[in-house]
C-alpha cells in the first residue's frame, strides 16, 4: 500500500514542525511540503503530489485557509482538514460550506489528529462516500446518514450539532439509534465497522 502524501499549511512554524514530526513518525505518511502562507501552499499544490491537505484557516496576512480550500475544490480532487483556533459560528459556517474532510480546533491532541487524517484518507479512497454509506447502511434515515458521515470525519457531538443546527442531545439520540441499527456500543466500534464496509 502506497504512503499518503500530506501537505501541511500552517503559519505557526512551531505547530507546523510538531505536526510534521508526528507524521514522519508514522510509517503510513510522507510530507509533501510545509507551507506557512497561501502562496507557498498553492505553489506546492500545483507542483507536488498531494493526497491530503492539513489547512490552517488563519494564515495571517494575505489569503486564508478558506480561500485555499475554495481553490482546492475548484481545481483539485484532494481532501483537506481544517485546523483552527477559532470555533465561532461564522468560522464554522464558512468552513463547513466548503466540505472539509475534518475540522480540528486547536489545541488538538496527536491521537485526534491521526484519527482524523486516517478517516479522511480512507473516505477519499472510497468515494462516492454518501452513496456508499447509504447502500451499506440502508436501515439508517437521511439524518442518521448525515450524522454518520460527520462521525466518520472525526467531528465531536458538539461540532455535529453546530453543523446541522440541532441540539447535542438530539445528536446523542440519533447516535443511539445508529448504534442499535449497526449493533455497536460506541463511536469507536461504529467507526471500525463503517471503515470495514465502505
N, C-alpha and C. Protein backbone atom coordinates (compact mmCIF):
# COMPACT_ATOMS: atom_id res chain seq x y z
N UNK A 1 0.85 -1.20 0.00
CA UNK A 1 0.00 0.00 0.00
C UNK A 1 0.88 1.25 0.00
N UNK A 2 0.64 2.17 -0.93
CA UNK A 2 1.47 3.37 -1.04
C UNK A 2 1.18 4.32 0.11
N UNK A 3 2.20 5.09 0.45
CA UNK A 3 2.05 6.04 1.54
C UNK A 3 1.29 7.29 1.06
N UNK A 4 0.50 7.86 1.94
CA UNK A 4 -0.23 9.08 1.62
C UNK A 4 0.68 10.29 1.84
N UNK A 5 0.62 11.20 0.87
CA UNK A 5 1.46 12.40 0.93
C UNK A 5 0.64 13.58 1.44
N UNK A 6 1.12 14.19 2.50
CA UNK A 6 0.35 15.23 3.19
C UNK A 6 1.05 16.58 3.09
N UNK A 7 0.27 17.58 2.70
CA UNK A 7 0.76 18.96 2.67
C UNK A 7 0.28 19.66 3.94
N UNK A 8 1.20 20.24 4.68
CA UNK A 8 0.87 20.97 5.90
C UNK A 8 0.88 22.46 5.59
N UNK A 9 -0.25 23.12 5.81
CA UNK A 9 -0.35 24.57 5.60
C UNK A 9 -0.67 25.20 6.95
N UNK A 10 0.33 25.78 7.57
CA UNK A 10 0.23 26.29 8.93
C UNK A 10 1.21 27.44 9.11
N UNK A 11 0.69 28.62 9.52
CA UNK A 11 1.56 29.80 9.60
C UNK A 11 2.44 29.81 10.85
N UNK A 12 2.10 29.02 11.85
CA UNK A 12 2.91 28.95 13.06
C UNK A 12 3.99 27.87 12.86
N UNK A 13 5.26 28.27 12.75
CA UNK A 13 6.33 27.30 12.47
C UNK A 13 6.45 26.20 13.52
N UNK A 14 6.17 26.53 14.78
CA UNK A 14 6.28 25.53 15.85
C UNK A 14 5.20 24.47 15.70
N UNK A 15 3.96 24.91 15.46
CA UNK A 15 2.86 23.97 15.26
C UNK A 15 3.11 23.11 14.03
N UNK A 16 3.55 23.76 12.95
CA UNK A 16 3.84 23.04 11.71
C UNK A 16 4.91 21.98 11.93
N UNK A 17 5.96 22.34 12.66
CA UNK A 17 7.05 21.40 12.93
C UNK A 17 6.58 20.23 13.78
N UNK A 18 5.72 20.51 14.76
CA UNK A 18 5.18 19.44 15.61
C UNK A 18 4.35 18.46 14.78
N UNK A 19 3.52 18.98 13.88
CA UNK A 19 2.70 18.12 13.03
C UNK A 19 3.58 17.30 12.10
N UNK A 20 4.57 17.96 11.51
CA UNK A 20 5.48 17.26 10.60
C UNK A 20 6.20 16.13 11.32
N UNK A 21 6.69 16.40 12.52
CA UNK A 21 7.39 15.39 13.30
C UNK A 21 6.49 14.21 13.62
N UNK A 22 5.26 14.49 14.01
CA UNK A 22 4.30 13.43 14.32
C UNK A 22 4.03 12.55 13.11
N UNK A 23 3.83 13.17 11.97
CA UNK A 23 3.52 12.41 10.76
C UNK A 23 4.71 11.61 10.26
N UNK A 24 5.90 12.15 10.43
CA UNK A 24 7.10 11.43 9.99
C UNK A 24 7.35 10.18 10.85
N UNK A 25 6.83 10.20 12.08
CA UNK A 25 6.94 9.03 12.94
C UNK A 25 6.01 7.90 12.48
N UNK A 26 4.99 8.27 11.71
CA UNK A 26 4.02 7.30 11.24
C UNK A 26 4.45 6.77 9.87
N UNK A 27 4.56 5.47 9.75
CA UNK A 27 5.06 4.86 8.51
C UNK A 27 4.10 4.97 7.33
N UNK A 28 2.86 5.39 7.58
CA UNK A 28 1.86 5.46 6.51
C UNK A 28 1.91 6.78 5.73
N UNK A 29 2.66 7.77 6.24
CA UNK A 29 2.59 9.10 5.65
C UNK A 29 3.95 9.64 5.20
N UNK A 30 3.89 10.45 4.16
CA UNK A 30 5.04 11.23 3.71
C UNK A 30 4.63 12.71 3.71
N UNK A 31 5.58 13.60 3.84
CA UNK A 31 5.30 15.03 3.84
C UNK A 31 5.55 15.60 2.44
N UNK A 32 4.49 16.11 1.82
CA UNK A 32 4.65 16.75 0.50
C UNK A 32 5.32 18.10 0.63
N UNK A 33 5.13 18.74 1.76
CA UNK A 33 5.71 20.05 1.98
C UNK A 33 5.09 20.71 3.19
N UNK A 34 5.73 21.79 3.64
CA UNK A 34 5.20 22.59 4.74
C UNK A 34 5.15 24.03 4.25
N UNK A 35 3.96 24.60 4.20
CA UNK A 35 3.77 25.97 3.73
C UNK A 35 3.29 26.85 4.88
N UNK A 36 3.88 28.02 4.99
CA UNK A 36 3.50 28.94 6.06
C UNK A 36 2.60 30.08 5.56
N UNK A 37 2.32 30.09 4.26
CA UNK A 37 1.43 31.12 3.70
C UNK A 37 0.72 30.55 2.48
N UNK A 38 -0.28 31.26 2.02
CA UNK A 38 -1.13 30.77 0.94
C UNK A 38 -0.36 30.61 -0.38
N UNK A 39 0.51 31.56 -0.69
CA UNK A 39 1.24 31.49 -1.96
C UNK A 39 2.10 30.23 -2.04
N UNK A 40 2.81 29.93 -0.95
CA UNK A 40 3.64 28.73 -0.92
C UNK A 40 2.77 27.47 -1.01
N UNK A 41 1.62 27.50 -0.33
CA UNK A 41 0.72 26.35 -0.35
C UNK A 41 0.22 26.07 -1.77
N UNK A 42 -0.18 27.11 -2.47
CA UNK A 42 -0.71 26.94 -3.83
C UNK A 42 0.38 26.47 -4.78
N UNK A 43 1.60 26.94 -4.57
CA UNK A 43 2.72 26.50 -5.40
C UNK A 43 2.98 25.01 -5.19
N UNK A 44 2.94 24.57 -3.94
CA UNK A 44 3.16 23.15 -3.64
C UNK A 44 2.03 22.28 -4.17
N UNK A 45 0.80 22.78 -4.08
CA UNK A 45 -0.33 22.03 -4.62
C UNK A 45 -0.18 21.81 -6.12
N UNK A 46 0.31 22.83 -6.79
CA UNK A 46 0.44 22.76 -8.25
C UNK A 46 1.62 21.91 -8.71
N UNK A 47 2.64 21.79 -7.88
CA UNK A 47 3.87 21.18 -8.35
C UNK A 47 4.31 19.91 -7.62
N UNK A 48 3.54 19.50 -6.63
CA UNK A 48 3.91 18.30 -5.88
C UNK A 48 2.73 17.35 -5.79
N UNK A 49 3.04 16.09 -5.54
CA UNK A 49 1.98 15.10 -5.36
C UNK A 49 1.43 15.24 -3.94
N UNK A 50 0.13 15.47 -3.83
CA UNK A 50 -0.51 15.68 -2.54
C UNK A 50 -1.78 14.82 -2.46
N UNK A 51 -1.92 14.07 -1.38
CA UNK A 51 -3.13 13.25 -1.17
C UNK A 51 -4.08 13.85 -0.14
N UNK A 52 -3.55 14.73 0.72
CA UNK A 52 -4.36 15.35 1.77
C UNK A 52 -3.69 16.65 2.20
N UNK A 53 -4.52 17.65 2.50
CA UNK A 53 -4.00 18.94 2.97
C UNK A 53 -4.49 19.20 4.39
N UNK A 54 -3.55 19.49 5.28
CA UNK A 54 -3.89 19.98 6.62
C UNK A 54 -3.84 21.49 6.53
N UNK A 55 -4.98 22.13 6.70
CA UNK A 55 -5.13 23.53 6.29
C UNK A 55 -5.54 24.44 7.44
N UNK A 56 -4.60 25.24 7.90
CA UNK A 56 -4.90 26.24 8.92
C UNK A 56 -5.80 27.31 8.31
N UNK A 57 -6.84 27.71 9.00
CA UNK A 57 -7.77 28.70 8.44
C UNK A 57 -7.15 30.10 8.46
N UNK A 58 -6.56 30.48 9.59
CA UNK A 58 -5.98 31.82 9.71
C UNK A 58 -4.49 31.76 9.40
N UNK A 59 -4.12 32.32 8.24
CA UNK A 59 -2.72 32.29 7.81
C UNK A 59 -2.06 33.67 7.91
N UNK A 60 -2.59 34.51 8.78
CA UNK A 60 -2.04 35.84 8.94
C UNK A 60 -2.47 36.74 7.80
N UNK A 61 -1.54 37.52 7.25
CA UNK A 61 -1.90 38.42 6.16
C UNK A 61 -2.04 37.65 4.86
N UNK A 62 -2.78 38.23 3.93
CA UNK A 62 -2.99 37.58 2.63
C UNK A 62 -4.15 36.61 2.66
N UNK A 63 -4.15 35.70 1.70
CA UNK A 63 -5.24 34.73 1.57
C UNK A 63 -5.30 33.80 2.78
N UNK A 64 -6.52 33.35 3.09
CA UNK A 64 -6.73 32.49 4.24
C UNK A 64 -6.85 31.03 3.81
N UNK A 65 -6.96 30.15 4.80
CA UNK A 65 -7.20 28.75 4.51
C UNK A 65 -8.53 28.54 3.80
N UNK A 66 -9.51 29.38 4.11
CA UNK A 66 -10.81 29.32 3.43
C UNK A 66 -10.62 29.57 1.93
N UNK A 67 -9.79 30.57 1.60
CA UNK A 67 -9.52 30.88 0.19
C UNK A 67 -8.82 29.71 -0.51
N UNK A 68 -7.88 29.10 0.18
CA UNK A 68 -7.17 27.96 -0.40
C UNK A 68 -8.13 26.79 -0.62
N UNK A 69 -9.02 26.57 0.35
CA UNK A 69 -9.99 25.47 0.23
C UNK A 69 -10.88 25.66 -1.00
N UNK A 70 -11.27 26.89 -1.28
CA UNK A 70 -12.09 27.15 -2.46
C UNK A 70 -11.33 26.77 -3.74
N UNK A 71 -10.05 27.08 -3.76
CA UNK A 71 -9.22 26.75 -4.93
C UNK A 71 -9.06 25.24 -5.04
N UNK A 72 -8.87 24.58 -3.92
CA UNK A 72 -8.76 23.11 -3.93
C UNK A 72 -10.03 22.50 -4.51
N UNK A 73 -11.18 23.00 -4.06
CA UNK A 73 -12.46 22.47 -4.56
C UNK A 73 -12.64 22.72 -6.05
N UNK A 74 -12.15 23.85 -6.53
CA UNK A 74 -12.33 24.21 -7.94
C UNK A 74 -11.34 23.49 -8.87
N UNK A 75 -10.15 23.18 -8.35
CA UNK A 75 -9.09 22.71 -9.25
C UNK A 75 -8.49 21.34 -8.93
N UNK A 76 -8.75 20.82 -7.74
CA UNK A 76 -8.13 19.56 -7.35
C UNK A 76 -9.17 18.65 -6.71
N UNK A 77 -8.93 17.36 -6.79
CA UNK A 77 -9.76 16.40 -6.06
C UNK A 77 -8.95 15.89 -4.89
N UNK A 78 -8.70 16.78 -3.95
CA UNK A 78 -7.87 16.47 -2.79
C UNK A 78 -8.65 16.79 -1.52
N UNK A 79 -8.76 15.85 -0.59
CA UNK A 79 -9.44 16.15 0.68
C UNK A 79 -8.59 17.08 1.53
N UNK A 80 -9.23 17.87 2.37
CA UNK A 80 -8.50 18.77 3.27
C UNK A 80 -9.17 18.78 4.64
N UNK A 81 -8.34 18.99 5.64
CA UNK A 81 -8.80 19.06 7.03
C UNK A 81 -8.47 20.45 7.54
N UNK A 82 -9.47 21.15 8.06
CA UNK A 82 -9.22 22.48 8.61
C UNK A 82 -8.63 22.38 10.01
N UNK A 83 -7.63 23.20 10.27
CA UNK A 83 -7.06 23.37 11.60
C UNK A 83 -7.28 24.82 12.00
N UNK A 84 -7.78 25.06 13.18
CA UNK A 84 -8.05 26.44 13.56
C UNK A 84 -8.15 26.61 15.07
N UNK A 85 -7.84 27.80 15.51
CA UNK A 85 -8.02 28.15 16.91
C UNK A 85 -9.40 28.74 17.13
N UNK A 86 -10.17 28.89 16.06
CA UNK A 86 -11.48 29.54 16.13
C UNK A 86 -12.61 28.54 15.91
N UNK A 87 -13.62 28.59 16.78
CA UNK A 87 -14.78 27.71 16.61
C UNK A 87 -16.08 28.51 16.70
N UNK A 88 -16.00 29.80 16.35
CA UNK A 88 -17.18 30.65 16.36
C UNK A 88 -18.11 30.28 15.20
N UNK A 89 -19.34 30.71 15.29
CA UNK A 89 -20.36 30.32 14.32
C UNK A 89 -19.99 30.75 12.90
N UNK A 90 -19.44 31.95 12.74
CA UNK A 90 -19.09 32.45 11.40
C UNK A 90 -18.01 31.57 10.76
N UNK A 91 -16.96 31.26 11.54
CA UNK A 91 -15.87 30.43 11.01
C UNK A 91 -16.36 29.04 10.67
N UNK A 92 -17.16 28.45 11.57
CA UNK A 92 -17.69 27.10 11.34
C UNK A 92 -18.56 27.06 10.09
N UNK A 93 -19.39 28.08 9.92
CA UNK A 93 -20.28 28.13 8.77
C UNK A 93 -19.49 28.24 7.47
N UNK A 94 -18.52 29.15 7.45
CA UNK A 94 -17.70 29.35 6.25
C UNK A 94 -16.92 28.09 5.92
N UNK A 95 -16.42 27.41 6.95
CA UNK A 95 -15.62 26.20 6.73
C UNK A 95 -16.49 25.04 6.26
N UNK A 96 -17.64 24.85 6.90
CA UNK A 96 -18.49 23.70 6.57
C UNK A 96 -19.05 23.80 5.16
N UNK A 97 -19.25 25.01 4.66
CA UNK A 97 -19.77 25.19 3.31
C UNK A 97 -18.82 24.64 2.25
N UNK A 98 -17.55 24.47 2.62
CA UNK A 98 -16.54 24.03 1.65
C UNK A 98 -16.32 22.51 1.68
N UNK A 99 -17.05 21.81 2.54
CA UNK A 99 -16.97 20.35 2.56
C UNK A 99 -15.63 19.77 3.00
N UNK A 100 -15.09 20.24 4.15
CA UNK A 100 -13.82 19.66 4.61
C UNK A 100 -13.98 18.21 5.03
N UNK A 101 -12.89 17.48 5.03
CA UNK A 101 -12.91 16.09 5.50
C UNK A 101 -12.74 16.00 7.00
N UNK A 102 -12.56 17.12 7.64
CA UNK A 102 -12.42 17.17 9.09
C UNK A 102 -12.22 18.60 9.53
N UNK A 103 -12.39 18.84 10.84
CA UNK A 103 -12.27 20.19 11.39
C UNK A 103 -11.74 20.03 12.81
N UNK A 104 -10.49 20.42 13.03
CA UNK A 104 -9.86 20.26 14.34
C UNK A 104 -9.60 21.63 14.96
N UNK A 105 -10.08 21.81 16.19
CA UNK A 105 -9.88 23.06 16.90
C UNK A 105 -8.62 22.95 17.77
N UNK A 106 -7.73 23.90 17.63
CA UNK A 106 -6.51 23.93 18.43
C UNK A 106 -6.83 24.31 19.87
N UNK A 107 -6.11 23.77 20.83
CA UNK A 107 -5.07 22.75 20.67
C UNK A 107 -5.70 21.36 20.53
N UNK A 108 -5.27 20.60 19.56
CA UNK A 108 -5.76 19.24 19.38
C UNK A 108 -4.65 18.27 19.79
N UNK A 109 -5.05 17.04 20.12
CA UNK A 109 -4.03 16.07 20.53
C UNK A 109 -3.58 15.21 19.35
N UNK A 110 -2.45 14.56 19.52
CA UNK A 110 -1.87 13.76 18.45
C UNK A 110 -2.81 12.66 17.97
N UNK A 111 -3.44 11.99 18.93
CA UNK A 111 -4.32 10.89 18.58
C UNK A 111 -5.51 11.36 17.75
N UNK A 112 -6.08 12.49 18.14
CA UNK A 112 -7.21 13.04 17.39
C UNK A 112 -6.83 13.43 15.98
N UNK A 113 -5.64 14.02 15.83
CA UNK A 113 -5.17 14.42 14.51
C UNK A 113 -4.95 13.20 13.63
N UNK A 114 -4.28 12.19 14.15
CA UNK A 114 -4.00 10.98 13.37
C UNK A 114 -5.29 10.25 12.98
N UNK A 115 -6.25 10.21 13.90
CA UNK A 115 -7.52 9.55 13.60
C UNK A 115 -8.28 10.30 12.51
N UNK A 116 -8.28 11.62 12.59
CA UNK A 116 -8.99 12.43 11.59
C UNK A 116 -8.33 12.28 10.22
N UNK A 117 -7.01 12.25 10.19
CA UNK A 117 -6.29 12.05 8.93
C UNK A 117 -6.61 10.68 8.33
N UNK A 118 -6.58 9.64 9.18
CA UNK A 118 -6.83 8.28 8.69
C UNK A 118 -8.23 8.15 8.09
N UNK A 119 -9.22 8.74 8.76
CA UNK A 119 -10.60 8.69 8.27
C UNK A 119 -10.74 9.47 6.97
N UNK A 120 -10.13 10.66 6.89
CA UNK A 120 -10.21 11.48 5.69
C UNK A 120 -9.62 10.76 4.48
N UNK A 121 -8.48 10.13 4.67
CA UNK A 121 -7.84 9.42 3.57
C UNK A 121 -8.66 8.20 3.17
N UNK A 122 -9.18 7.47 4.16
CA UNK A 122 -9.99 6.29 3.85
C UNK A 122 -11.26 6.70 3.10
N UNK A 123 -11.90 7.77 3.55
CA UNK A 123 -13.11 8.24 2.88
C UNK A 123 -12.83 8.68 1.45
N UNK A 124 -11.69 9.35 1.24
CA UNK A 124 -11.33 9.80 -0.11
C UNK A 124 -11.10 8.61 -1.03
N UNK A 125 -10.58 7.54 -0.49
CA UNK A 125 -10.30 6.34 -1.29
C UNK A 125 -11.58 5.59 -1.63
N UNK A 126 -12.65 5.87 -0.88
CA UNK A 126 -13.89 5.13 -1.06
C UNK A 126 -15.03 5.99 -1.59
N UNK A 127 -14.72 7.07 -2.28
CA UNK A 127 -15.76 7.91 -2.86
C UNK A 127 -16.49 7.15 -3.95
N UNK A 128 -17.78 7.45 -4.23
CA UNK A 128 -18.60 8.48 -3.58
C UNK A 128 -19.08 8.02 -2.22
N UNK A 129 -18.71 8.81 -1.19
CA UNK A 129 -18.97 8.43 0.19
C UNK A 129 -20.46 8.30 0.50
N UNK A 130 -21.25 9.30 0.14
CA UNK A 130 -22.65 9.30 0.53
C UNK A 130 -23.39 8.10 -0.06
N UNK A 131 -23.18 7.81 -1.33
CA UNK A 131 -23.84 6.67 -1.96
C UNK A 131 -23.40 5.37 -1.29
N UNK A 132 -22.11 5.28 -0.97
CA UNK A 132 -21.58 4.07 -0.37
C UNK A 132 -22.20 3.84 1.01
N UNK A 133 -22.26 4.87 1.82
CA UNK A 133 -22.82 4.74 3.16
C UNK A 133 -24.31 4.41 3.08
N UNK A 134 -25.02 5.07 2.17
CA UNK A 134 -26.44 4.84 2.03
C UNK A 134 -26.74 3.39 1.65
N UNK A 135 -25.95 2.86 0.71
CA UNK A 135 -26.19 1.48 0.29
C UNK A 135 -25.71 0.47 1.32
N UNK A 136 -24.68 0.85 2.09
CA UNK A 136 -24.14 -0.07 3.09
C UNK A 136 -25.00 -0.12 4.34
N UNK A 137 -25.63 1.01 4.68
CA UNK A 137 -26.48 1.08 5.87
C UNK A 137 -27.90 1.51 5.48
N UNK A 138 -28.63 0.66 4.76
CA UNK A 138 -29.95 1.05 4.25
C UNK A 138 -30.98 1.32 5.34
N UNK A 139 -30.75 0.80 6.55
CA UNK A 139 -31.72 0.99 7.63
C UNK A 139 -31.67 2.39 8.23
N UNK A 140 -30.59 3.14 7.95
CA UNK A 140 -30.45 4.47 8.53
C UNK A 140 -31.27 5.51 7.79
N UNK A 141 -31.80 6.46 8.54
CA UNK A 141 -32.55 7.57 7.93
C UNK A 141 -31.57 8.57 7.33
N UNK A 142 -32.09 9.53 6.57
CA UNK A 142 -31.25 10.56 5.97
C UNK A 142 -30.47 11.34 7.00
N UNK A 143 -31.12 11.71 8.11
CA UNK A 143 -30.45 12.45 9.18
C UNK A 143 -29.37 11.60 9.84
N UNK A 144 -29.66 10.31 10.01
CA UNK A 144 -28.67 9.41 10.61
C UNK A 144 -27.46 9.23 9.70
N UNK A 145 -27.71 9.16 8.38
CA UNK A 145 -26.61 9.07 7.41
C UNK A 145 -25.72 10.31 7.52
N UNK A 146 -26.36 11.48 7.61
CA UNK A 146 -25.61 12.73 7.71
C UNK A 146 -24.74 12.74 8.96
N UNK A 147 -25.31 12.30 10.08
CA UNK A 147 -24.57 12.26 11.34
C UNK A 147 -23.44 11.25 11.26
N UNK A 148 -23.70 10.09 10.65
CA UNK A 148 -22.66 9.08 10.49
C UNK A 148 -21.49 9.63 9.67
N UNK A 149 -21.78 10.39 8.63
CA UNK A 149 -20.72 10.98 7.81
C UNK A 149 -19.85 11.92 8.64
N UNK A 150 -20.49 12.72 9.52
CA UNK A 150 -19.71 13.61 10.39
C UNK A 150 -18.87 12.81 11.37
N UNK A 151 -19.43 11.73 11.91
CA UNK A 151 -18.67 10.86 12.83
C UNK A 151 -17.44 10.30 12.12
N UNK A 152 -17.61 9.85 10.88
CA UNK A 152 -16.51 9.28 10.12
C UNK A 152 -15.44 10.33 9.81
N UNK A 153 -15.84 11.59 9.82
CA UNK A 153 -14.88 12.68 9.56
C UNK A 153 -14.24 13.19 10.85
N UNK A 154 -14.57 12.55 11.99
CA UNK A 154 -13.93 12.89 13.25
C UNK A 154 -14.56 14.03 14.03
N UNK A 155 -15.81 14.40 13.70
CA UNK A 155 -16.47 15.50 14.38
C UNK A 155 -16.99 15.06 15.75
N UNK A 156 -16.91 15.93 16.75
CA UNK A 156 -17.49 15.68 18.06
C UNK A 156 -19.00 15.91 18.00
N UNK A 157 -19.72 15.45 19.04
CA UNK A 157 -21.16 15.67 19.09
C UNK A 157 -21.50 17.15 19.03
N UNK A 158 -20.69 17.97 19.71
CA UNK A 158 -20.94 19.41 19.74
C UNK A 158 -20.78 20.01 18.34
N UNK A 159 -19.71 19.59 17.64
CA UNK A 159 -19.49 20.12 16.29
C UNK A 159 -20.57 19.65 15.33
N UNK A 160 -21.02 18.40 15.49
CA UNK A 160 -22.11 17.90 14.64
C UNK A 160 -23.36 18.73 14.86
N UNK A 161 -23.66 19.02 16.13
CA UNK A 161 -24.87 19.80 16.44
C UNK A 161 -24.80 21.19 15.83
N UNK A 162 -23.61 21.79 15.84
CA UNK A 162 -23.44 23.13 15.27
C UNK A 162 -23.59 23.12 13.75
N UNK A 163 -23.10 22.06 13.12
CA UNK A 163 -23.13 21.99 11.66
C UNK A 163 -24.53 21.74 11.11
N UNK A 164 -25.33 20.93 11.80
CA UNK A 164 -26.66 20.64 11.25
C UNK A 164 -27.78 21.28 12.07
N UNK A 165 -27.38 22.19 12.98
CA UNK A 165 -28.33 23.04 13.69
C UNK A 165 -29.35 22.25 14.51
N UNK A 166 -28.86 21.27 15.28
CA UNK A 166 -29.70 20.55 16.23
C UNK A 166 -28.97 20.53 17.56
N UNK A 167 -29.66 20.18 18.64
CA UNK A 167 -29.03 20.17 19.95
C UNK A 167 -28.11 18.97 20.09
N UNK A 168 -27.18 19.07 21.04
CA UNK A 168 -26.28 17.95 21.32
C UNK A 168 -27.07 16.73 21.76
N UNK A 169 -28.13 16.96 22.54
CA UNK A 169 -28.97 15.84 22.99
C UNK A 169 -29.63 15.13 21.81
N UNK A 170 -30.03 15.89 20.80
CA UNK A 170 -30.64 15.29 19.61
C UNK A 170 -29.60 14.48 18.84
N UNK A 171 -28.38 14.98 18.78
CA UNK A 171 -27.30 14.22 18.15
C UNK A 171 -27.11 12.89 18.88
N UNK A 172 -27.10 12.95 20.21
CA UNK A 172 -26.92 11.73 21.01
C UNK A 172 -28.08 10.76 20.78
N UNK A 173 -29.29 11.29 20.65
CA UNK A 173 -30.45 10.44 20.38
C UNK A 173 -30.29 9.71 19.05
N UNK A 174 -29.88 10.45 18.01
CA UNK A 174 -29.68 9.84 16.71
C UNK A 174 -28.54 8.81 16.75
N UNK A 175 -27.47 9.15 17.48
CA UNK A 175 -26.35 8.22 17.59
C UNK A 175 -26.77 6.92 18.27
N UNK A 176 -27.62 7.05 19.30
CA UNK A 176 -28.11 5.85 19.99
C UNK A 176 -28.86 4.95 19.01
N UNK A 177 -29.69 5.56 18.15
CA UNK A 177 -30.42 4.78 17.14
C UNK A 177 -29.47 4.15 16.13
N UNK A 178 -28.42 4.91 15.75
CA UNK A 178 -27.43 4.38 14.81
C UNK A 178 -26.72 3.18 15.42
N UNK A 179 -26.34 3.31 16.71
CA UNK A 179 -25.67 2.20 17.40
C UNK A 179 -26.54 0.95 17.39
N UNK A 180 -27.83 1.13 17.68
CA UNK A 180 -28.76 -0.01 17.72
C UNK A 180 -28.85 -0.67 16.35
N UNK A 181 -29.03 0.16 15.32
CA UNK A 181 -29.19 -0.38 13.96
C UNK A 181 -27.91 -1.04 13.46
N UNK A 182 -26.75 -0.52 13.88
CA UNK A 182 -25.48 -1.07 13.43
C UNK A 182 -24.92 -2.10 14.41
N UNK A 183 -25.64 -2.30 15.52
CA UNK A 183 -25.25 -3.28 16.54
C UNK A 183 -23.86 -3.01 17.12
N UNK A 184 -23.66 -1.74 17.51
CA UNK A 184 -22.41 -1.34 18.16
C UNK A 184 -22.76 -0.57 19.43
N UNK A 185 -21.73 -0.29 20.25
CA UNK A 185 -21.97 0.39 21.53
C UNK A 185 -21.21 1.70 21.69
N UNK A 186 -20.41 2.08 20.70
CA UNK A 186 -19.62 3.30 20.84
C UNK A 186 -19.24 3.84 19.47
N UNK A 187 -18.74 5.09 19.45
CA UNK A 187 -18.26 5.68 18.20
C UNK A 187 -17.09 4.89 17.64
N UNK A 188 -16.22 4.40 18.53
CA UNK A 188 -15.06 3.63 18.07
C UNK A 188 -15.50 2.38 17.33
N UNK A 189 -16.48 1.67 17.90
CA UNK A 189 -16.99 0.46 17.25
C UNK A 189 -17.70 0.81 15.94
N UNK A 190 -18.43 1.92 15.95
CA UNK A 190 -19.13 2.36 14.75
C UNK A 190 -18.13 2.68 13.65
N UNK A 191 -17.06 3.39 14.01
CA UNK A 191 -16.02 3.75 13.04
C UNK A 191 -15.37 2.49 12.47
N UNK A 192 -15.09 1.53 13.34
CA UNK A 192 -14.45 0.29 12.90
C UNK A 192 -15.31 -0.47 11.90
N UNK A 193 -16.59 -0.60 12.20
CA UNK A 193 -17.49 -1.36 11.32
C UNK A 193 -17.75 -0.60 10.02
N UNK A 194 -17.84 0.73 10.10
CA UNK A 194 -18.08 1.53 8.90
C UNK A 194 -16.89 1.46 7.94
N UNK A 195 -15.68 1.55 8.48
CA UNK A 195 -14.50 1.52 7.63
C UNK A 195 -14.29 0.14 6.98
N UNK A 196 -14.78 -0.89 7.62
CA UNK A 196 -14.68 -2.23 7.03
C UNK A 196 -15.66 -2.39 5.88
N UNK A 197 -16.80 -1.71 5.99
CA UNK A 197 -17.87 -1.92 5.00
C UNK A 197 -17.79 -1.00 3.81
N UNK A 198 -17.30 0.23 4.02
CA UNK A 198 -17.35 1.18 2.91
C UNK A 198 -16.03 1.20 2.15
